[in-house]
PDB file of N, CA and C in Angstrom:
ATOM      1  N   UNK A   1       1.235   6.247  -0.452  1.00  0.00           N
ATOM      2  CA  UNK A   1       2.142   5.646   0.528  1.00  0.00           C
ATOM      3  C   UNK A   1       3.001   6.168   0.448  1.00  0.00           C
ATOM      4  N   UNK A   2       3.998   7.304  -0.571  1.00  0.00           N
ATOM      5  CA  UNK A   2       5.325   7.637   0.036  1.00  0.00           C
ATOM      6  C   UNK A   2       5.272   8.736   1.091  1.00  0.00           C
ATOM      7  N   UNK A   3       3.710   9.308   1.036  1.00  0.00           N
ATOM      8  CA  UNK A   3       3.624  10.179   2.208  1.00  0.00           C
ATOM      9  C   UNK A   3       3.162  10.084   2.885  1.00  0.00           C
ATOM     10  N   UNK A   4       3.183   8.862   3.280  1.00  0.00           N
ATOM     11  CA  UNK A   4       2.860   7.989   4.975  1.00  0.00           C
ATOM     12  C   UNK A   4       1.668   7.956   5.229  1.00  0.00           C
ATOM     13  N   UNK A   5       0.814   8.303   4.364  1.00  0.00           N
ATOM     14  CA  UNK A   5      -1.019   8.793   4.730  1.00  0.00           C
ATOM     15  C   UNK A   5      -2.081   6.978   4.592  1.00  0.00           C
ATOM     16  N   UNK A   6      -2.371   7.157   4.727  1.00  0.00           N
ATOM     17  CA  UNK A   6      -3.904   6.492   5.355  1.00  0.00           C
ATOM     18  C   UNK A   6      -4.010   6.052   3.376  1.00  0.00           C
ATOM     19  N   UNK A   7      -3.977   5.182   2.539  1.00  0.00           N
ATOM     20  CA  UNK A   7      -4.679   4.606   1.211  1.00  0.00           C
ATOM     21  C   UNK A   7      -5.769   3.961   0.915  1.00  0.00           C
ATOM     22  N   UNK A   8      -7.246   4.340   0.912  1.00  0.00           N
ATOM     23  CA  UNK A   8      -8.098   2.961   0.755  1.00  0.00           C
ATOM     24  C   UNK A   8      -8.023   2.973  -0.681  1.00  0.00           C
ATOM     25  N   UNK A   9      -7.944   1.956  -1.318  1.00  0.00           N
ATOM     26  CA  UNK A   9      -7.893   2.004  -2.790  1.00  0.00           C
ATOM     27  C   UNK A   9      -9.653   0.490  -3.541  1.00  0.00           C
ATOM     28  N   UNK A  10      -9.623   0.713  -4.625  1.00  0.00           N
ATOM     29  CA  UNK A  10     -10.111  -0.427  -5.561  1.00  0.00           C
ATOM     30  C   UNK A  10      -8.536  -1.238  -5.845  1.00  0.00           C
ATOM     31  N   UNK A  11      -9.736  -2.523  -5.727  1.00  0.00           N
ATOM     32  CA  UNK A  11      -8.586  -3.754  -5.525  1.00  0.00           C
ATOM     33  C   UNK A  11      -8.293  -3.421  -7.910  1.00  0.00           C
ATOM     34  N   UNK A  12      -7.717  -2.661  -8.126  1.00  0.00           N
ATOM     35  CA  UNK A  12      -7.938  -2.650  -9.660  1.00  0.00           C
ATOM     36  C   UNK A  12      -6.342  -2.024  -9.651  1.00  0.00           C
ATOM     37  N   UNK A  13      -6.143  -2.120 -10.925  1.00  0.00           N
ATOM     38  CA  UNK A  13      -4.805  -1.520 -11.675  1.00  0.00           C
ATOM     39  C   UNK A  13      -3.639  -2.036 -11.099  1.00  0.00           C
ATOM     40  N   UNK A  14      -2.728  -0.743 -10.789  1.00  0.00           N
ATOM     41  CA  UNK A  14      -1.195  -1.403 -10.361  1.00  0.00           C
ATOM     42  C   UNK A  14      -1.193  -1.464  -8.840  1.00  0.00           C
ATOM     43  N   UNK A  15      -1.939  -0.195  -8.479  1.00  0.00           N
ATOM     44  CA  UNK A  15      -2.289  -0.118  -6.540  1.00  0.00           C
ATOM     45  C   UNK A  15      -2.593  -1.951  -6.025  1.00  0.00           C
ATOM     46  N   UNK A  16      -3.015  -2.121  -6.290  1.00  0.00           N
ATOM     47  CA  UNK A  16      -3.437  -3.634  -5.909  1.00  0.00           C
ATOM     48  C   UNK A  16      -2.045  -4.281  -5.873  1.00  0.00           C
ATOM     49  N   UNK A  17      -1.101  -4.244  -6.734  1.00  0.00           N
ATOM     50  CA  UNK A  17      -0.075  -4.744  -6.186  1.00  0.00           C
ATOM     51  C   UNK A  17       1.113  -3.929  -5.338  1.00  0.00           C
ATOM     52  N   UNK A  18       0.495  -2.882  -5.016  1.00  0.00           N
ATOM     53  CA  UNK A  18       1.390  -2.266  -3.957  1.00  0.00           C
ATOM     54  C   UNK A  18       0.622  -2.350  -2.453  1.00  0.00           C
ATOM     55  N   UNK A  19      -0.099  -2.271  -2.557  1.00  0.00           N
ATOM     56  CA  UNK A  19      -1.075  -2.681  -1.119  1.00  0.00           C
ATOM     57  C   UNK A  19      -1.325  -3.585  -0.545  1.00  0.00           C
ATOM     58  N   UNK A  20      -0.802  -4.092   0.664  1.00  0.00           N
ATOM     59  CA  UNK A  20      -1.611  -5.122   0.855  1.00  0.00           C
ATOM     60  C   UNK A  20      -2.472  -4.785   2.117  1.00  0.00           C
ATOM     61  N   UNK A  21      -3.372  -5.716   2.424  1.00  0.00           N
ATOM     62  CA  UNK A  21      -5.064  -4.799   2.661  1.00  0.00           C
ATOM     63  C   UNK A  21      -4.418  -5.143   4.134  1.00  0.00           C
ATOM     64  N   UNK A  22      -4.677  -4.091   5.068  1.00  0.00           N
ATOM     65  CA  UNK A  22      -4.630  -4.021   6.122  1.00  0.00           C
ATOM     66  C   UNK A  22      -3.553  -3.999   7.158  1.00  0.00           C
ATOM     67  N   UNK A  23      -2.057  -3.525   6.506  1.00  0.00           N
ATOM     68  CA  UNK A  23      -0.911  -3.694   6.281  1.00  0.00           C
ATOM     69  C   UNK A  23      -0.096  -2.438   6.141  1.00  0.00           C
ATOM     70  N   UNK A  24      -0.401  -2.088   4.576  1.00  0.00           N
ATOM     71  CA  UNK A  24       0.435  -1.145   4.114  1.00  0.00           C
ATOM     72  C   UNK A  24      -0.699   0.080   3.460  1.00  0.00           C
ATOM     73  N   UNK A  25      -2.405  -0.690   3.590  1.00  0.00           N
ATOM     74  CA  UNK A  25      -3.154   0.548   3.631  1.00  0.00           C
ATOM     75  C   UNK A  25      -3.974  -0.387   3.189  1.00  0.00           C
ATOM     76  N   UNK A  26      -5.764  -0.074   3.093  1.00  0.00           N
ATOM     77  CA  UNK A  26      -6.919  -0.519   2.554  1.00  0.00           C
ATOM     78  C   UNK A  26      -7.119  -1.150   1.509  1.00  0.00           C
ATOM     79  N   UNK A  27      -8.292  -2.200   1.168  1.00  0.00           N
ATOM     80  CA  UNK A  27      -8.744  -2.103   0.130  1.00  0.00           C
ATOM     81  C   UNK A  27     -10.425  -2.241  -0.114  1.00  0.00           C
ATOM     82  N   UNK A  28     -10.864  -1.874  -0.725  1.00  0.00           N
ATOM     83  CA  UNK A  28     -11.917  -1.733  -1.098  1.00  0.00           C
ATOM     84  C   UNK A  28     -12.499  -3.151  -1.673  1.00  0.00           C
ATOM     85  N   UNK A  29     -13.520  -3.919  -0.938  1.00  0.00           N
ATOM     86  CA  UNK A  29     -14.306  -5.162  -1.835  1.00  0.00           C
ATOM     87  C   UNK A  29     -14.734  -4.998  -2.568  1.00  0.00           C
ATOM     88  N   UNK A  30     -16.137  -3.853  -3.068  1.00  0.00           N
ATOM     89  CA  UNK A  30     -16.948  -3.203  -3.412  1.00  0.00           C
ATOM     90  C   UNK A  30     -18.668  -3.164  -3.120  1.00  0.00           C
ATOM     91  N   UNK A  31     -18.272  -4.027  -2.005  1.00  0.00           N
ATOM     92  CA  UNK A  31     -19.203  -3.657  -1.088  1.00  0.00           C
ATOM     93  C   UNK A  31     -20.060  -2.654  -0.626  1.00  0.00           C
ATOM     94  N   UNK A  32     -20.503  -1.817  -0.628  1.00  0.00           N
ATOM     95  CA  UNK A  32     -20.690  -0.005   0.236  1.00  0.00           C
ATOM     96  C   UNK A  32     -21.138  -0.233   1.652  1.00  0.00           C
ATOM     97  N   UNK A  33     -22.021  -0.892   2.308  1.00  0.00           N
ATOM     98  CA  UNK A  33     -21.802  -1.221   4.130  1.00  0.00           C
ATOM     99  C   UNK A  33     -20.364  -1.658   4.529  1.00  0.00           C
ATOM    100  N   UNK A  34     -19.641  -2.763   4.135  1.00  0.00           N
ATOM    101  CA  UNK A  34     -18.404  -3.195   4.496  1.00  0.00           C
ATOM    102  C   UNK A  34     -17.442  -1.771   4.466  1.00  0.00           C
ATOM    103  N   UNK A  35     -17.114  -1.926   3.196  1.00  0.00           N
ATOM    104  CA  UNK A  35     -16.142  -0.587   3.256  1.00  0.00           C
ATOM    105  C   UNK A  35     -16.373   0.790   3.583  1.00  0.00           C
ATOM    106  N   UNK A  36     -17.425   0.864   3.654  1.00  0.00           N
ATOM    107  CA  UNK A  36     -17.720   2.641   4.606  1.00  0.00           C
ATOM    108  C   UNK A  36     -17.058   1.874   6.117  1.00  0.00           C
ATOM    109  N   UNK A  37     -18.029   1.338   6.876  1.00  0.00           N
ATOM    110  CA  UNK A  37     -17.643   0.684   8.161  1.00  0.00           C
ATOM    111  C   UNK A  37     -16.153   0.376   7.770  1.00  0.00           C
ATOM    112  N   UNK A  38     -15.209  -0.075   7.107  1.00  0.00           N
ATOM    113  CA  UNK A  38     -13.804  -0.304   6.837  1.00  0.00           C
ATOM    114  C   UNK A  38     -13.234   0.912   7.661  1.00  0.00           C
ATOM    115  N   UNK A  39     -13.582   1.814   6.456  1.00  0.00           N
ATOM    116  CA  UNK A  39     -12.889   3.282   6.470  1.00  0.00           C
ATOM    117  C   UNK A  39     -13.706   4.494   7.840  1.00  0.00           C
ATOM    118  N   UNK A  40     -14.261   4.060   7.947  1.00  0.00           N
ATOM    119  CA  UNK A  40     -15.184   4.685   9.288  1.00  0.00           C
ATOM    120  C   UNK A  40     -14.107   4.030  10.625  1.00  0.00           C
ATOM    121  N   UNK A  41     -13.777   3.112  10.357  1.00  0.00           N
ATOM    122  CA  UNK A  41     -13.330   2.127  11.554  1.00  0.00           C
ATOM    123  C   UNK A  41     -11.070   3.014  11.793  1.00  0.00           C
ATOM    124  N   UNK A  42     -11.037   2.378  10.430  1.00  0.00           N
ATOM    125  CA  UNK A  42      -9.958   3.561  10.085  1.00  0.00           C
ATOM    126  C   UNK A  42      -9.311   4.646  10.912  1.00  0.00           C
ATOM    127  N   UNK A  43     -10.592   5.618   9.906  1.00  0.00           N
ATOM    128  CA  UNK A  43     -10.627   6.973  10.409  1.00  0.00           C
ATOM    129  C   UNK A  43     -10.858   7.337  11.560  1.00  0.00           C
ATOM    130  N   UNK A  44     -11.278   6.635  12.605  1.00  0.00           N
ATOM    131  CA  UNK A  44     -11.824   6.733  14.023  1.00  0.00           C
ATOM    132  C   UNK A  44     -10.412   6.613  14.611  1.00  0.00           C
ATOM    133  N   UNK A  45      -9.684   5.936  13.904  1.00  0.00           N
ATOM    134  CA  UNK A  45      -8.354   4.628  14.759  1.00  0.00           C
ATOM    135  C   UNK A  45      -6.761   6.005  14.657  1.00  0.00           C
ATOM    136  N   UNK A  46      -6.710   7.076  15.492  1.00  0.00           N
ATOM    137  CA  UNK A  46      -5.257   7.632  14.795  1.00  0.00           C
ATOM    138  C   UNK A  46      -4.034   6.294  14.790  1.00  0.00           C
ATOM    139  N   UNK A  47      -3.909   5.799  15.427  1.00  0.00           N
ATOM    140  CA  UNK A  47      -2.936   4.879  15.464  1.00  0.00           C
ATOM    141  C   UNK A  47      -3.124   4.221  14.092  1.00  0.00           C
ATOM    142  N   UNK A  48      -4.109   3.542  14.298  1.00  0.00           N
ATOM    143  CA  UNK A  48      -3.888   2.461  12.849  1.00  0.00           C
ATOM    144  C   UNK A  48      -3.644   3.391  11.589  1.00  0.00           C
ATOM    145  N   UNK A  49      -4.453   4.482  11.290  1.00  0.00           N
ATOM    146  CA  UNK A  49      -4.054   5.178  10.813  1.00  0.00           C
ATOM    147  C   UNK A  49      -2.185   5.431  10.205  1.00  0.00           C
ATOM    148  N   UNK A  50      -1.879   5.950  11.418  1.00  0.00           N
ATOM    149  CA  UNK A  50      -0.390   6.238  11.291  1.00  0.00           C
ATOM    150  C   UNK A  50       0.112   5.146  11.428  1.00  0.00           C
ATOM    151  N   UNK A  51      -0.145   3.885  11.465  1.00  0.00           N
ATOM    152  CA  UNK A  51       0.401   2.776  11.895  1.00  0.00           C
ATOM    153  C   UNK A  51       0.673   2.414   9.846  1.00  0.00           C
ATOM    154  N   UNK A  52      -0.929   2.438   9.268  1.00  0.00           N
ATOM    155  CA  UNK A  52      -0.689   2.234   7.889  1.00  0.00           C
ATOM    156  C   UNK A  52       0.266   2.656   7.337  1.00  0.00           C
ATOM    157  N   UNK A  53       0.345   4.179   7.615  1.00  0.00           N
ATOM    158  CA  UNK A  53       1.555   4.721   6.371  1.00  0.00           C
ATOM    159  C   UNK A  53       2.475   4.858   6.815  1.00  0.00           C
ATOM    160  N   UNK A  54       3.096   4.555   7.987  1.00  0.00           N
ATOM    161  CA  UNK A  54       4.031   4.592   8.008  1.00  0.00           C
ATOM    162  C   UNK A  54       4.888   2.910   7.379  1.00  0.00           C
ATOM    163  N   UNK A  55       3.963   1.513   7.796  1.00  0.00           N
ATOM    164  CA  UNK A  55       4.164   0.895   7.079  1.00  0.00           C
ATOM    165  C   UNK A  55       3.902   0.774   5.084  1.00  0.00           C
ATOM    166  N   UNK A  56       3.297   1.396   4.769  1.00  0.00           N
ATOM    167  CA  UNK A  56       2.783   2.453   3.743  1.00  0.00           C
ATOM    168  C   UNK A  56       4.224   2.702   3.006  1.00  0.00           C
ATOM    169  N   UNK A  57       4.656   3.741   3.146  1.00  0.00           N
ATOM    170  CA  UNK A  57       6.009   4.053   3.330  1.00  0.00           C
ATOM    171  C   UNK A  57       7.484   3.370   3.059  1.00  0.00           C
ATOM    172  N   UNK A  58       7.716   2.168   4.776  1.00  0.00           N
ATOM    173  CA  UNK A  58       8.248   1.160   3.908  1.00  0.00           C
ATOM    174  C   UNK A  58       7.871   0.572   3.173  1.00  0.00           C
ATOM    175  N   UNK A  59       7.086   0.437   2.694  1.00  0.00           N
ATOM    176  CA  UNK A  59       6.761  -1.383   1.857  1.00  0.00           C
ATOM    177  C   UNK A  59       7.511  -0.431   0.151  1.00  0.00           C
ATOM    178  N   UNK A  60       7.410   0.842  -0.018  1.00  0.00           N
ATOM    179  CA  UNK A  60       7.682   1.349  -1.182  1.00  0.00           C
ATOM    180  C   UNK A  60       8.793   1.840  -1.375  1.00  0.00           C
ATOM    181  N   UNK A  61       9.673   1.933  -0.276  1.00  0.00           N
ATOM    182  CA  UNK A  61      11.300   2.372   0.288  1.00  0.00           C
ATOM    183  C   UNK A  61      12.046   0.965  -0.514  1.00  0.00           C
ATOM    184  N   UNK A  62      11.540  -0.263   0.072  1.00  0.00           N
ATOM    185  CA  UNK A  62      11.890  -1.389   0.052  1.00  0.00           C
ATOM    186  C   UNK A  62      11.557  -1.731  -1.524  1.00  0.00           C
ATOM    187  N   UNK A  63      10.866  -1.765  -1.882  1.00  0.00           N
ATOM    188  CA  UNK A  63      10.166  -2.753  -2.741  1.00  0.00           C
ATOM    189  C   UNK A  63      10.057  -1.646  -4.773  1.00  0.00           C
ATOM    190  N   UNK A  64       9.672   0.059  -4.141  1.00  0.00           N
ATOM    191  CA  UNK A  64       9.649   0.462  -5.407  1.00  0.00           C
ATOM    192  C   UNK A  64      10.450   1.466  -5.699  1.00  0.00           C
ATOM    193  N   UNK A  65      11.191   2.158  -4.842  1.00  0.00           N
ATOM    194  CA  UNK A  65      11.923   3.523  -4.956  1.00  0.00           C
ATOM    195  C   UNK A  65      12.871   2.473  -6.389  1.00  0.00           C
ATOM    196  N   UNK A  66      13.459   4.100  -6.909  1.00  0.00           N
ATOM    197  CA  UNK A  66      14.298   3.817  -8.391  1.00  0.00           C
ATOM    198  C   UNK A  66      15.305   2.557  -7.943  1.00  0.00           C
ATOM    199  N   UNK A  67      16.142   2.830  -6.991  1.00  0.00           N
ATOM    200  CA  UNK A  67      17.461   2.009  -6.430  1.00  0.00           C
ATOM    201  C   UNK A  67      17.154   0.670  -6.970  1.00  0.00           C
ATOM    202  N   UNK A  68      16.031   0.247  -5.993  1.00  0.00           N
ATOM    203  CA  UNK A  68      15.719  -0.880  -5.854  1.00  0.00           C
ATOM    204  C   UNK A  68      14.924  -1.261  -7.430  1.00  0.00           C
ATOM    205  N   UNK A  69      15.147  -1.011  -8.017  1.00  0.00           N
ATOM    206  CA  UNK A  69      14.233  -1.091  -9.561  1.00  0.00           C
ATOM    207  C   UNK A  69      15.540  -1.800 -10.512  1.00  0.00           C
ATOM    208  N   UNK A  70      15.526  -0.486  -9.936  1.00  0.00           N
ATOM    209  CA  UNK A  70      17.467  -0.674 -10.905  1.00  0.00           C
ATOM    210  C   UNK A  70      18.157  -1.972 -10.505  1.00  0.00           C
ATOM    211  N   UNK A  71      18.192  -2.235  -9.238  1.00  0.00           N
ATOM    212  CA  UNK A  71      18.850  -3.195  -8.985  1.00  0.00           C
ATOM    213  C   UNK A  71      18.311  -4.671  -9.409  1.00  0.00           C
ATOM    214  N   UNK A  72      17.139  -4.578  -9.281  1.00  0.00           N
ATOM    215  CA  UNK A  72      16.560  -5.849  -9.503  1.00  0.00           C
ATOM    216  C   UNK A  72      16.332  -5.857 -11.167  1.00  0.00           C
ATOM    217  N   UNK A  73      16.381  -5.236 -12.062  1.00  0.00           N
ATOM    218  CA  UNK A  73      16.382  -4.793 -13.366  1.00  0.00           C
ATOM    219  C   UNK A  73      17.788  -5.094 -13.868  1.00  0.00           C
ATOM    220  N   UNK A  74      19.205  -4.843 -12.961  1.00  0.00           N
ATOM    221  CA  UNK A  74      19.901  -5.183 -13.534  1.00  0.00           C
ATOM    222  C   UNK A  74      20.491  -6.464 -12.940  1.00  0.00           C
ATOM    223  N   UNK A  75      19.828  -7.406 -12.148  1.00  0.00           N
ATOM    224  CA  UNK A  75      19.802  -9.092 -12.039  1.00  0.00           C
ATOM    225  C   UNK A  75      19.412  -9.478 -13.061  1.00  0.00           C
ATOM    226  N   UNK A  76      17.949  -9.093 -13.334  1.00  0.00           N
ATOM    227  CA  UNK A  76      17.578  -9.876 -14.410  1.00  0.00           C
ATOM    228  C   UNK A  76      18.153  -9.899 -16.159  1.00  0.00           C
ATOM    229  N   UNK A  77      18.781  -8.416 -16.498  1.00  0.00           N
ATOM    230  CA  UNK A  77      19.572  -8.197 -17.470  1.00  0.00           C
ATOM    231  C   UNK A  77      21.018  -9.163 -17.536  1.00  0.00           C
ATOM    232  N   UNK A  78      21.416  -9.045 -16.198  1.00  0.00           N
ATOM    233  CA  UNK A  78      22.446 -10.155 -16.242  1.00  0.00           C
ATOM    234  C   UNK A  78      22.022 -11.839 -16.276  1.00  0.00           C
ATOM    235  N   UNK A  79      21.472 -12.301 -15.989  1.00  0.00           N
ATOM    236  CA  UNK A  79      20.885 -13.446 -16.496  1.00  0.00           C
ATOM    237  C   UNK A  79      20.602 -13.582 -17.424  1.00  0.00           C
ATOM    238  N   UNK A  80      20.998 -12.441 -18.346  1.00  0.00           N
ATOM    239  CA  UNK A  80      20.602 -13.348 -19.899  1.00  0.00           C
ATOM    240  C   UNK A  80      22.270 -14.011 -20.413  1.00  0.00           C
TER     241      UNK A  80
END
């Protein structure tokens, strides 16, 4: 996501907490045909790939980079 590339992932583990399906990447449903169609559609649309990639990078910058995480941790610790 940080490299502003399309991410297509299974909705398991930590990645599902980072990807918003259709907004910051694509998530698989576990059904081969619909997942393949979803991926092919995106691969055939440069605009969609670029849009998802840029949105993914912005999402990571806003929610997951170290300074942001440090600020969140500081707020939590200050509350104790």
